Amino acid sequence: MEWSWPTEVGRVLRTAGWFPGRSVDTGRWRELFAGSLPMHEAAERFLTEFGCLFVNIKGPGVTCARTPFELDPQLAEGEEDRFEDLGEDIGHSLFPLGELDHGRFFLGIDETGEIYLLGDRDATFGRMPGAMENLILGVRPEDVA
Protein backbone atom coordinates (compact mmCIF):
# COMPACT_ATOMS: atom_id res chain seq x y z
CA MET A 1 0.00 0.00 0.00
CA GLU A 2 1.23 3.50 -0.78
CA TRP A 3 1.29 5.75 2.31
CA SER A 4 1.63 9.50 2.44
CA TRP A 5 3.35 10.20 5.75
CA PRO A 6 3.90 13.54 7.49
CA THR A 7 7.59 14.47 7.15
CA GLU A 8 8.60 13.47 10.70
CA VAL A 9 6.78 10.11 10.51
CA GLY A 10 8.40 9.25 7.16
CA ARG A 11 11.83 10.20 8.49
CA VAL A 12 11.44 8.03 11.61
CA LEU A 13 10.18 5.06 9.60
CA ARG A 14 13.02 5.32 7.06
CA THR A 15 15.56 5.51 9.90
CA ALA A 16 14.04 2.28 11.29
CA GLY A 17 14.50 0.55 7.91
CA TRP A 18 11.10 1.00 6.28
CA PHE A 19 10.82 1.93 2.61
CA PRO A 20 7.93 1.93 0.11
CA GLY A 21 7.30 -1.55 -1.23
CA ARG A 22 9.03 -3.29 1.70
CA SER A 23 7.98 -6.92 2.00
CA VAL A 24 8.63 -9.24 4.96
CA ASP A 25 7.66 -12.92 5.04
CA THR A 26 4.96 -13.34 7.71
CA GLY A 27 4.79 -17.14 7.59
CA ARG A 28 6.68 -17.70 10.85
CA TRP A 29 4.24 -15.49 12.79
CA ARG A 30 1.22 -17.09 11.12
CA GLU A 31 2.51 -20.51 12.21
CA LEU A 32 3.47 -19.38 15.71
CA PHE A 33 -0.06 -18.25 16.56
CA ALA A 34 -2.03 -20.62 14.29
CA GLY A 35 -3.53 -22.58 17.19
CA SER A 36 -4.80 -19.54 19.09
CA LEU A 37 -4.77 -16.26 17.14
CA PRO A 38 -5.35 -16.71 13.40
CA MET A 39 -3.64 -14.03 11.30
CA HIS A 40 -6.27 -11.94 9.53
CA GLU A 41 -5.73 -9.92 6.34
CA ALA A 42 -5.11 -6.59 8.13
CA ALA A 43 -2.33 -8.18 10.23
CA GLU A 44 -0.84 -9.79 7.13
CA ARG A 45 -0.77 -6.48 5.24
CA PHE A 46 0.64 -4.54 8.18
CA LEU A 47 3.36 -7.05 9.06
CA THR A 48 4.37 -7.56 5.44
CA GLU A 49 5.27 -3.89 5.30
CA PHE A 50 6.32 -3.06 8.87
CA GLY A 51 7.29 -6.37 10.50
CA CYS A 52 10.79 -6.58 12.06
CA LEU A 53 11.14 -2.82 12.47
CA PHE A 54 12.48 -1.36 15.70
CA VAL A 55 11.42 2.29 15.98
CA ASN A 56 13.81 3.86 18.47
CA ILE A 57 12.16 7.12 19.46
CA LYS A 58 12.03 9.06 22.72
CA GLY A 59 11.31 12.49 24.07
CA PRO A 60 8.24 14.68 24.28
CA GLY A 61 5.38 14.03 21.89
CA VAL A 62 2.08 15.68 21.06
CA THR A 63 0.16 14.46 24.15
CA CYS A 64 2.50 11.85 25.69
CA ALA A 65 6.13 10.80 25.53
CA ARG A 66 7.40 9.26 22.30
CA THR A 67 8.20 5.65 23.18
CA PRO A 68 10.24 3.03 21.29
CA PHE A 69 8.37 0.10 19.77
CA GLU A 70 9.34 -3.14 18.05
CA LEU A 71 7.15 -4.78 15.42
CA ASP A 72 7.78 -8.49 15.95
CA PRO A 73 4.74 -10.59 16.97
CA GLN A 74 7.01 -13.24 18.48
CA LEU A 75 7.63 -10.82 21.37
CA ALA A 76 4.02 -11.48 22.44
CA GLU A 77 4.37 -15.26 22.46
CA GLY A 78 2.75 -16.66 25.60
CA GLU A 79 0.41 -13.66 25.91
CA GLU A 80 -2.30 -15.01 23.62
CA ASP A 81 -4.90 -14.87 26.40
CA ARG A 82 -4.48 -11.07 26.66
CA PHE A 83 -5.23 -10.68 22.95
CA GLU A 84 -8.16 -13.09 23.11
CA ASP A 85 -9.66 -11.37 26.17
CA LEU A 86 -9.44 -7.85 24.74
CA GLY A 87 -10.71 -9.12 21.38
CA GLU A 88 -13.79 -10.56 23.10
CA ASP A 89 -14.33 -7.29 25.00
CA ILE A 90 -14.22 -5.13 21.86
CA GLY A 91 -15.84 -7.64 19.48
CA HIS A 92 -12.85 -7.92 17.13
CA SER A 93 -10.12 -10.42 16.36
CA LEU A 94 -6.71 -9.19 17.51
CA PHE A 95 -3.33 -10.33 16.22
CA PRO A 96 -0.05 -9.41 17.96
CA LEU A 97 2.24 -6.85 16.33
CA GLY A 98 4.99 -6.56 18.93
CA GLU A 99 5.74 -4.44 21.96
CA LEU A 100 5.93 -0.84 23.10
CA ASP A 101 8.36 0.61 25.65
CA HIS A 102 10.69 -2.43 25.72
CA GLY A 103 7.95 -4.89 26.73
CA ARG A 104 5.95 -2.71 29.09
CA PHE A 105 3.00 -2.93 26.67
CA PHE A 106 2.03 -5.12 23.73
CA LEU A 107 0.66 -3.92 20.40
CA GLY A 108 -2.06 -5.68 18.41
CA ILE A 109 -4.15 -5.05 15.32
CA ASP A 110 -7.76 -5.93 14.58
CA GLU A 111 -9.26 -6.93 11.25
CA THR A 112 -10.20 -3.30 10.47
CA GLY A 113 -6.59 -2.06 10.80
CA GLU A 114 -7.05 -0.51 14.26
CA ILE A 115 -3.96 -0.74 16.47
CA TYR A 116 -4.34 -1.45 20.19
CA LEU A 117 -2.16 -1.10 23.27
CA LEU A 118 -2.43 -4.00 25.73
CA GLY A 119 -1.02 -3.84 29.24
CA ASP A 120 -2.08 -2.41 32.58
CA ARG A 121 -4.53 -0.42 30.47
CA ASP A 122 -6.05 -1.23 27.10
CA ALA A 123 -6.25 1.56 24.56
CA THR A 124 -6.40 2.30 20.84
CA PHE A 125 -4.09 4.34 18.64
CA GLY A 126 -6.79 4.38 15.94
CA ARG A 127 -6.77 2.89 12.45
CA MET A 128 -3.90 2.86 10.01
CA PRO A 129 -2.31 5.05 8.79
CA GLY A 130 -3.25 7.43 11.61
CA ALA A 131 -2.31 4.81 14.21
CA MET A 132 1.30 4.74 12.99
CA GLU A 133 1.42 8.52 13.06
CA ASN A 134 0.05 8.54 16.62
CA LEU A 135 2.63 5.96 17.76
CA ILE A 136 5.53 7.90 16.27
CA LEU A 137 4.41 11.43 17.14
CA GLY A 138 3.49 10.62 20.75
CA VAL A 139 -0.29 10.90 20.71
CA ARG A 140 -1.81 9.29 23.81
CA PRO A 141 -4.04 6.33 22.86
CA GLU A 142 -7.70 6.38 23.90
CA ASP A 143 -8.80 3.88 26.56
CA VAL A 144 -11.08 1.01 25.51
CA ALA A 145 -13.17 -1.61 27.29
C-alpha atoms as a PDB file:
ATOM      1  CA  MET A   1       0.000   0.000   0.000  1.00  0.00           C
ATOM      2  CA  GLU A   2       1.234   3.496  -0.775  1.00  0.00           C
ATOM      3  CA  TRP A   3       1.285   5.750   2.311  1.00  0.00           C
ATOM      4  CA  SER A   4       1.629   9.505   2.441  1.00  0.00           C
ATOM      5  CA  TRP A   5       3.349  10.200   5.752  1.00  0.00           C
ATOM      6  CA  PRO A   6       3.905  13.536   7.490  1.00  0.00           C
ATOM      7  CA  THR A   7       7.590  14.469   7.149  1.00  0.00           C
ATOM      8  CA  GLU A   8       8.598  13.471  10.702  1.00  0.00           C
ATOM      9  CA  VAL A   9       6.783  10.108  10.507  1.00  0.00           C
ATOM     10  CA  GLY A  10       8.405   9.254   7.162  1.00  0.00           C
ATOM     11  CA  ARG A  11      11.833  10.198   8.495  1.00  0.00           C
ATOM     12  CA  VAL A  12      11.440   8.029  11.614  1.00  0.00           C
ATOM     13  CA  LEU A  13      10.175   5.058   9.595  1.00  0.00           C
ATOM     14  CA  ARG A  14      13.018   5.317   7.061  1.00  0.00           C
ATOM     15  CA  THR A  15      15.558   5.508   9.901  1.00  0.00           C
ATOM     16  CA  ALA A  16      14.037   2.283  11.294  1.00  0.00           C
ATOM     17  CA  GLY A  17      14.499   0.549   7.910  1.00  0.00           C
ATOM     18  CA  TRP A  18      11.100   1.001   6.283  1.00  0.00           C
ATOM     19  CA  PHE A  19      10.822   1.930   2.610  1.00  0.00           C
ATOM     20  CA  PRO A  20       7.929   1.933   0.115  1.00  0.00           C
ATOM     21  CA  GLY A  21       7.298  -1.551  -1.229  1.00  0.00           C
ATOM     22  CA  ARG A  22       9.035  -3.286   1.696  1.00  0.00           C
ATOM     23  CA  SER A  23       7.981  -6.924   2.004  1.00  0.00           C
ATOM     24  CA  VAL A  24       8.625  -9.236   4.964  1.00  0.00           C
ATOM     25  CA  ASP A  25       7.657 -12.922   5.042  1.00  0.00           C
ATOM     26  CA  THR A  26       4.957 -13.342   7.706  1.00  0.00           C
ATOM     27  CA  GLY A  27       4.790 -17.144   7.590  1.00  0.00           C
ATOM     28  CA  ARG A  28       6.677 -17.705  10.851  1.00  0.00           C
ATOM     29  CA  TRP A  29       4.237 -15.487  12.786  1.00  0.00           C
ATOM     30  CA  ARG A  30       1.224 -17.085  11.124  1.00  0.00           C
ATOM     31  CA  GLU A  31       2.509 -20.515  12.213  1.00  0.00           C
ATOM     32  CA  LEU A  32       3.470 -19.377  15.710  1.00  0.00           C
ATOM     33  CA  PHE A  33      -0.063 -18.245  16.557  1.00  0.00           C
ATOM     34  CA  ALA A  34      -2.030 -20.620  14.292  1.00  0.00           C
ATOM     35  CA  GLY A  35      -3.527 -22.579  17.187  1.00  0.00           C
ATOM     36  CA  SER A  36      -4.799 -19.543  19.086  1.00  0.00           C
ATOM     37  CA  LEU A  37      -4.773 -16.263  17.137  1.00  0.00           C
ATOM     38  CA  PRO A  38      -5.349 -16.712  13.398  1.00  0.00           C
ATOM     39  CA  MET A  39      -3.640 -14.028  11.305  1.00  0.00           C
ATOM     40  CA  HIS A  40      -6.268 -11.944   9.528  1.00  0.00           C
ATOM     41  CA  GLU A  41      -5.735  -9.917   6.340  1.00  0.00           C
ATOM     42  CA  ALA A  42      -5.106  -6.589   8.126  1.00  0.00           C
ATOM     43  CA  ALA A  43      -2.333  -8.182  10.228  1.00  0.00           C
ATOM     44  CA  GLU A  44      -0.839  -9.794   7.127  1.00  0.00           C
ATOM     45  CA  ARG A  45      -0.768  -6.479   5.238  1.00  0.00           C
ATOM     46  CA  PHE A  46       0.641  -4.538   8.180  1.00  0.00           C
ATOM     47  CA  LEU A  47       3.365  -7.046   9.060  1.00  0.00           C
ATOM     48  CA  THR A  48       4.374  -7.561   5.438  1.00  0.00           C
ATOM     49  CA  GLU A  49       5.265  -3.885   5.299  1.00  0.00           C
ATOM     50  CA  PHE A  50       6.315  -3.060   8.871  1.00  0.00           C
ATOM     51  CA  GLY A  51       7.292  -6.367  10.499  1.00  0.00           C
ATOM     52  CA  CYS A  52      10.794  -6.580  12.061  1.00  0.00           C
ATOM     53  CA  LEU A  53      11.135  -2.817  12.473  1.00  0.00           C
ATOM     54  CA  PHE A  54      12.481  -1.357  15.703  1.00  0.00           C
ATOM     55  CA  VAL A  55      11.422   2.289  15.984  1.00  0.00           C
ATOM     56  CA  ASN A  56      13.813   3.856  18.469  1.00  0.00           C
ATOM     57  CA  ILE A  57      12.165   7.125  19.463  1.00  0.00           C
ATOM     58  CA  LYS A  58      12.034   9.059  22.721  1.00  0.00           C
ATOM     59  CA  GLY A  59      11.312  12.494  24.069  1.00  0.00           C
ATOM     60  CA  PRO A  60       8.237  14.675  24.276  1.00  0.00           C
ATOM     61  CA  GLY A  61       5.385  14.028  21.894  1.00  0.00           C
ATOM     62  CA  VAL A  62       2.082  15.681  21.063  1.00  0.00           C
ATOM     63  CA  THR A  63       0.163  14.464  24.152  1.00  0.00           C
ATOM     64  CA  CYS A  64       2.504  11.848  25.690  1.00  0.00           C
ATOM     65  CA  ALA A  65       6.134  10.795  25.527  1.00  0.00           C
ATOM     66  CA  ARG A  66       7.399   9.257  22.298  1.00  0.00           C
ATOM     67  CA  THR A  67       8.204   5.652  23.175  1.00  0.00           C
ATOM     68  CA  PRO A  68      10.239   3.034  21.286  1.00  0.00           C
ATOM     69  CA  PHE A  69       8.369   0.099  19.775  1.00  0.00           C
ATOM     70  CA  GLU A  70       9.336  -3.139  18.047  1.00  0.00           C
ATOM     71  CA  LEU A  71       7.146  -4.784  15.425  1.00  0.00           C
ATOM     72  CA  ASP A  72       7.783  -8.488  15.952  1.00  0.00           C
ATOM     73  CA  PRO A  73       4.740 -10.590  16.967  1.00  0.00           C
ATOM     74  CA  GLN A  74       7.013 -13.241  18.484  1.00  0.00           C
ATOM     75  CA  LEU A  75       7.628 -10.821  21.371  1.00  0.00           C
ATOM     76  CA  ALA A  76       4.020 -11.476  22.441  1.00  0.00           C
ATOM     77  CA  GLU A  77       4.372 -15.259  22.456  1.00  0.00           C
ATOM     78  CA  GLY A  78       2.749 -16.661  25.598  1.00  0.00           C
ATOM     79  CA  GLU A  79       0.414 -13.657  25.913  1.00  0.00           C
ATOM     80  CA  GLU A  80      -2.298 -15.012  23.618  1.00  0.00           C
ATOM     81  CA  ASP A  81      -4.898 -14.868  26.398  1.00  0.00           C
ATOM     82  CA  ARG A  82      -4.481 -11.069  26.662  1.00  0.00           C
ATOM     83  CA  PHE A  83      -5.228 -10.680  22.948  1.00  0.00           C
ATOM     84  CA  GLU A  84      -8.162 -13.093  23.109  1.00  0.00           C
ATOM     85  CA  ASP A  85      -9.660 -11.367  26.166  1.00  0.00           C
ATOM     86  CA  LEU A  86      -9.443  -7.852  24.738  1.00  0.00           C
ATOM     87  CA  GLY A  87     -10.707  -9.122  21.380  1.00  0.00           C
ATOM     88  CA  GLU A  88     -13.788 -10.556  23.098  1.00  0.00           C
ATOM     89  CA  ASP A  89     -14.335  -7.289  24.997  1.00  0.00           C
ATOM     90  CA  ILE A  90     -14.219  -5.135  21.858  1.00  0.00           C
ATOM     91  CA  GLY A  91     -15.838  -7.636  19.479  1.00  0.00           C
ATOM     92  CA  HIS A  92     -12.851  -7.921  17.133  1.00  0.00           C
ATOM     93  CA  SER A  93     -10.122 -10.418  16.358  1.00  0.00           C
ATOM     94  CA  LEU A  94      -6.706  -9.186  17.511  1.00  0.00           C
ATOM     95  CA  PHE A  95      -3.333 -10.326  16.217  1.00  0.00           C
ATOM     96  CA  PRO A  96      -0.052  -9.407  17.963  1.00  0.00           C
ATOM     97  CA  LEU A  97       2.241  -6.849  16.332  1.00  0.00           C
ATOM     98  CA  GLY A  98       4.994  -6.560  18.931  1.00  0.00           C
ATOM     99  CA  GLU A  99       5.740  -4.442  21.957  1.00  0.00           C
ATOM    100  CA  LEU A 100       5.929  -0.837  23.099  1.00  0.00           C
ATOM    101  CA  ASP A 101       8.357   0.608  25.653  1.00  0.00           C
ATOM    102  CA  HIS A 102      10.687  -2.429  25.721  1.00  0.00           C
ATOM    103  CA  GLY A 103       7.952  -4.889  26.728  1.00  0.00           C
ATOM    104  CA  ARG A 104       5.948  -2.709  29.095  1.00  0.00           C
ATOM    105  CA  PHE A 105       3.003  -2.931  26.674  1.00  0.00           C
ATOM    106  CA  PHE A 106       2.029  -5.115  23.726  1.00  0.00           C
ATOM    107  CA  LEU A 107       0.657  -3.915  20.395  1.00  0.00           C
ATOM    108  CA  GLY A 108      -2.062  -5.680  18.405  1.00  0.00           C
ATOM    109  CA  ILE A 109      -4.152  -5.050  15.316  1.00  0.00           C
ATOM    110  CA  ASP A 110      -7.760  -5.931  14.582  1.00  0.00           C
ATOM    111  CA  GLU A 111      -9.265  -6.928  11.251  1.00  0.00           C
ATOM    112  CA  THR A 112     -10.198  -3.300  10.468  1.00  0.00           C
ATOM    113  CA  GLY A 113      -6.591  -2.059  10.798  1.00  0.00           C
ATOM    114  CA  GLU A 114      -7.047  -0.510  14.260  1.00  0.00           C
ATOM    115  CA  ILE A 115      -3.957  -0.744  16.475  1.00  0.00           C
ATOM    116  CA  TYR A 116      -4.335  -1.447  20.187  1.00  0.00           C
ATOM    117  CA  LEU A 117      -2.160  -1.100  23.266  1.00  0.00           C
ATOM    118  CA  LEU A 118      -2.426  -4.000  25.729  1.00  0.00           C
ATOM    119  CA  GLY A 119      -1.022  -3.843  29.241  1.00  0.00           C
ATOM    120  CA  ASP A 120      -2.080  -2.414  32.577  1.00  0.00           C
ATOM    121  CA  ARG A 121      -4.535  -0.420  30.468  1.00  0.00           C
ATOM    122  CA  ASP A 122      -6.048  -1.234  27.098  1.00  0.00           C
ATOM    123  CA  ALA A 123      -6.249   1.556  24.564  1.00  0.00           C
ATOM    124  CA  THR A 124      -6.405   2.298  20.838  1.00  0.00           C
ATOM    125  CA  PHE A 125      -4.087   4.337  18.641  1.00  0.00           C
ATOM    126  CA  GLY A 126      -6.786   4.382  15.940  1.00  0.00           C
ATOM    127  CA  ARG A 127      -6.772   2.889  12.452  1.00  0.00           C
ATOM    128  CA  MET A 128      -3.900   2.860  10.014  1.00  0.00           C
ATOM    129  CA  PRO A 129      -2.312   5.047   8.785  1.00  0.00           C
ATOM    130  CA  GLY A 130      -3.252   7.427  11.608  1.00  0.00           C
ATOM    131  CA  ALA A 131      -2.307   4.808  14.208  1.00  0.00           C
ATOM    132  CA  MET A 132       1.304   4.739  12.988  1.00  0.00           C
ATOM    133  CA  GLU A 133       1.415   8.522  13.055  1.00  0.00           C
ATOM    134  CA  ASN A 134       0.046   8.537  16.621  1.00  0.00           C
ATOM    135  CA  LEU A 135       2.626   5.963  17.756  1.00  0.00           C
ATOM    136  CA  ILE A 136       5.530   7.896  16.270  1.00  0.00           C
ATOM    137  CA  LEU A 137       4.407  11.425  17.139  1.00  0.00           C
ATOM    138  CA  GLY A 138       3.490  10.624  20.749  1.00  0.00           C
ATOM    139  CA  VAL A 139      -0.292  10.899  20.714  1.00  0.00           C
ATOM    140  CA  ARG A 140      -1.811   9.295  23.814  1.00  0.00           C
ATOM    141  CA  PRO A 141      -4.036   6.326  22.864  1.00  0.00           C
ATOM    142  CA  GLU A 142      -7.697   6.377  23.903  1.00  0.00           C
ATOM    143  CA  ASP A 143      -8.796   3.878  26.557  1.00  0.00           C
ATOM    144  CA  VAL A 144     -11.078   1.014  25.512  1.00  0.00           C
ATOM    145  CA  ALA A 145     -13.175  -1.609  27.293  1.00  0.00           C
END
